[in-house]
Amino acid sequence: MSINSTHAETAMVVRYQTGLNAEGQPLIRQKSLAKVKESAALEDVYAVATALFSLLEYPIVEIRRNSSYILTEE
């Protein structure tokens, strides 16, 4: 059985810390930005994320690039 994959979408996901809870654990939120070009370099995705989120008062915890693919059987 042969499987084909077709790129569906790519998104940039940025996780950031908004504070601490009552137990002192970090409160983490995330924001996803869709429609990132599949051909975008990792360095460019990182640079855009850090530039955009530098406008917020919250520190970035993690930057992800998520790509989704549609799998079909031949």
Protein backbone atom coordinates (compact mmCIF):
# COMPACT_ATOMS: atom_id res chain seq x y z
CA MET A 1 0.00 0.00 0.00
CA SER A 2 1.38 3.40 -1.00
CA ILE A 3 0.49 6.58 0.87
CA ASN A 4 0.68 10.10 -0.54
CA SER A 5 0.97 13.22 1.57
CA THR A 6 -0.18 16.68 0.56
CA HIS A 7 0.69 19.77 2.55
CA ALA A 8 -2.46 21.21 4.12
CA GLU A 9 -1.26 24.11 6.26
CA THR A 10 1.55 25.47 8.40
CA ALA A 11 1.11 27.52 11.55
CA MET A 12 3.37 29.29 13.99
CA VAL A 13 2.51 28.60 17.63
CA VAL A 14 3.95 30.80 20.35
CA ARG A 15 3.64 29.84 24.01
CA TYR A 16 4.17 32.59 26.56
CA GLN A 17 3.99 33.00 30.33
CA THR A 18 1.34 35.35 31.69
CA GLY A 19 2.22 35.01 35.36
CA LEU A 20 2.11 32.52 38.20
CA ASN A 21 -0.81 30.68 39.79
CA ALA A 22 -1.46 30.48 43.54
CA GLU A 23 1.01 27.57 43.86
CA GLY A 24 3.75 29.49 42.09
CA GLN A 25 3.49 27.47 38.88
CA PRO A 26 3.77 29.35 35.57
CA LEU A 27 0.57 30.23 33.72
CA ILE A 28 1.18 29.42 30.06
CA ARG A 29 -0.94 30.65 27.16
CA GLN A 30 -0.46 30.11 23.47
CA LYS A 31 -1.34 31.90 20.26
CA SER A 32 -1.44 30.25 16.84
CA LEU A 33 -0.90 32.19 13.64
CA ALA A 34 -1.98 30.27 10.55
CA LYS A 35 -1.10 30.53 6.87
CA VAL A 36 2.68 30.44 7.32
CA LYS A 37 4.31 29.63 3.99
CA GLU A 38 5.62 26.09 3.84
CA SER A 39 8.81 27.44 2.29
CA ALA A 40 9.45 29.91 5.15
CA ALA A 41 12.85 29.38 6.73
CA LEU A 42 12.95 28.42 10.40
CA GLU A 43 15.05 31.49 11.15
CA ASP A 44 12.39 33.72 9.56
CA VAL A 45 9.56 32.11 11.53
CA TYR A 46 11.56 32.58 14.73
CA ALA A 47 12.38 36.21 13.88
CA VAL A 48 8.73 37.04 13.17
CA ALA A 49 7.56 35.39 16.38
CA THR A 50 10.09 37.22 18.54
CA ALA A 51 9.36 40.55 16.82
CA LEU A 52 5.58 40.23 17.22
CA PHE A 53 5.67 38.99 20.79
CA SER A 54 8.22 41.59 21.86
CA LEU A 55 5.23 43.96 21.73
CA LEU A 56 3.67 42.09 24.65
CA GLU A 57 4.80 42.28 28.24
CA TYR A 58 4.97 38.47 28.55
CA PRO A 59 8.10 36.35 27.99
CA ILE A 60 8.09 33.71 25.26
CA VAL A 61 8.38 30.16 26.56
CA GLU A 62 8.40 28.27 23.26
CA ILE A 63 8.04 28.84 19.51
CA ARG A 64 6.74 26.03 17.31
CA ARG A 65 6.19 25.57 13.62
CA ASN A 66 3.37 23.07 13.04
CA SER A 67 2.77 21.61 9.60
CA SER A 68 -0.25 19.49 8.74
CA TYR A 69 -0.49 17.05 5.88
CA ILE A 70 -3.39 15.19 4.30
CA LEU A 71 -2.61 11.49 3.86
CA THR A 72 -4.28 9.54 1.07
CA GLU A 73 -3.97 6.03 -0.20
CA GLU A 74 -3.02 5.48 -3.83
